[in-house]
Amino acid sequence: MTPKMGRPTDNPKPYKLTVRVDEESKAILEQYSQQEKISQMEAIRRGIKRLKPDIKK
């Protein structure tokens, strides 16, 4: 028996995070994702990537 497979992808996402946000953060996320016509998860990924330049090396 073979394991069940999903769609093949070049960018697998094996990590699951759970976060709690306040009302303002939730509203911002909803507005941004609707404006850009993307999922809330994609909006969160974009926000995380914007943190990269601030990482001290």
C-alpha atoms as a PDB file:
ATOM      1  CA  MET A   1       0.000   0.000   0.000  1.00  0.00           C
ATOM      2  CA  THR A   2       1.366   3.437  -0.928  1.00  0.00           C
ATOM      3  CA  PRO A   3       1.003   6.470   1.347  1.00  0.00           C
ATOM      4  CA  LYS A   4      -1.628   8.996   0.305  1.00  0.00           C
ATOM      5  CA  MET A   5      -0.021  11.819  -1.643  1.00  0.00           C
ATOM      6  CA  GLY A   6      -1.180  15.412  -2.084  1.00  0.00           C
ATOM      7  CA  ARG A   7      -0.393  17.721  -4.940  1.00  0.00           C
ATOM      8  CA  PRO A   8       3.319  17.881  -5.772  1.00  0.00           C
ATOM      9  CA  THR A   9       4.912  21.190  -4.829  1.00  0.00           C
ATOM     10  CA  ASP A  10       8.256  22.936  -5.158  1.00  0.00           C
ATOM     11  CA  ASN A  11       7.746  24.603  -1.767  1.00  0.00           C
ATOM     12  CA  PRO A  12       6.414  22.120   0.803  1.00  0.00           C
ATOM     13  CA  LYS A  13       5.221  23.547   4.128  1.00  0.00           C
ATOM     14  CA  PRO A  14       5.770  20.860   6.759  1.00  0.00           C
ATOM     15  CA  TYR A  15       5.663  23.192   9.781  1.00  0.00           C
ATOM     16  CA  LYS A  16       2.436  24.170  11.522  1.00  0.00           C
ATOM     17  CA  LEU A  17       2.275  27.234  13.781  1.00  0.00           C
ATOM     18  CA  THR A  18      -0.555  28.380  16.001  1.00  0.00           C
ATOM     19  CA  VAL A  19      -0.738  32.029  17.044  1.00  0.00           C
ATOM     20  CA  ARG A  20      -3.073  34.185  19.082  1.00  0.00           C
ATOM     21  CA  VAL A  21      -3.684  37.745  17.894  1.00  0.00           C
ATOM     22  CA  ASP A  22      -5.601  40.746  19.164  1.00  0.00           C
ATOM     23  CA  GLU A  23      -8.601  42.295  17.413  1.00  0.00           C
ATOM     24  CA  GLU A  24      -6.533  44.966  15.633  1.00  0.00           C
ATOM     25  CA  SER A  25      -4.048  42.436  14.206  1.00  0.00           C
ATOM     26  CA  LYS A  26      -6.885  40.199  13.025  1.00  0.00           C
ATOM     27  CA  ALA A  27      -8.618  43.115  11.291  1.00  0.00           C
ATOM     28  CA  ILE A  28      -5.380  44.154   9.557  1.00  0.00           C
ATOM     29  CA  LEU A  29      -4.772  40.588   8.371  1.00  0.00           C
ATOM     30  CA  GLU A  30      -8.330  40.248   7.035  1.00  0.00           C
ATOM     31  CA  GLN A  31      -8.214  43.611   5.232  1.00  0.00           C
ATOM     32  CA  TYR A  32      -4.805  42.920   3.674  1.00  0.00           C
ATOM     33  CA  SER A  33      -5.718  39.424   2.490  1.00  0.00           C
ATOM     34  CA  GLN A  34      -8.976  40.672   0.931  1.00  0.00           C
ATOM     35  CA  GLN A  35      -7.224  43.622  -0.730  1.00  0.00           C
ATOM     36  CA  GLU A  36      -4.482  41.433  -2.213  1.00  0.00           C
ATOM     37  CA  LYS A  37      -6.884  38.534  -2.956  1.00  0.00           C
ATOM     38  CA  ILE A  38      -4.658  36.053  -1.133  1.00  0.00           C
ATOM     39  CA  SER A  39      -5.203  33.671   1.768  1.00  0.00           C
ATOM     40  CA  GLN A  40      -4.527  34.834   5.287  1.00  0.00           C
ATOM     41  CA  MET A  41      -1.718  32.284   5.486  1.00  0.00           C
ATOM     42  CA  GLU A  42      -0.043  33.785   2.415  1.00  0.00           C
ATOM     43  CA  ALA A  43      -0.368  37.244   3.986  1.00  0.00           C
ATOM     44  CA  ILE A  44       1.305  35.934   7.157  1.00  0.00           C
ATOM     45  CA  ARG A  45       4.124  34.384   5.099  1.00  0.00           C
ATOM     46  CA  ARG A  46       4.680  37.742   3.377  1.00  0.00           C
ATOM     47  CA  GLY A  47       4.820  39.473   6.760  1.00  0.00           C
ATOM     48  CA  ILE A  48       7.361  36.979   8.074  1.00  0.00           C
ATOM     49  CA  LYS A  49       9.558  37.468   4.999  1.00  0.00           C
ATOM     50  CA  ARG A  50       9.547  41.236   5.640  1.00  0.00           C
ATOM     51  CA  LEU A  51      11.330  40.534   8.937  1.00  0.00           C
ATOM     52  CA  LYS A  52      14.389  39.027   7.227  1.00  0.00           C
ATOM     53  CA  PRO A  53      16.290  42.324   6.674  1.00  0.00           C
ATOM     54  CA  ASP A  54      16.036  43.059  10.408  1.00  0.00           C
ATOM     55  CA  ILE A  55      17.898  39.883  11.408  1.00  0.00           C
ATOM     56  CA  LYS A  56      21.308  40.773  12.813  1.00  0.00           C
ATOM     57  CA  LYS A  57      24.159  38.673  11.462  1.00  0.00           C
END
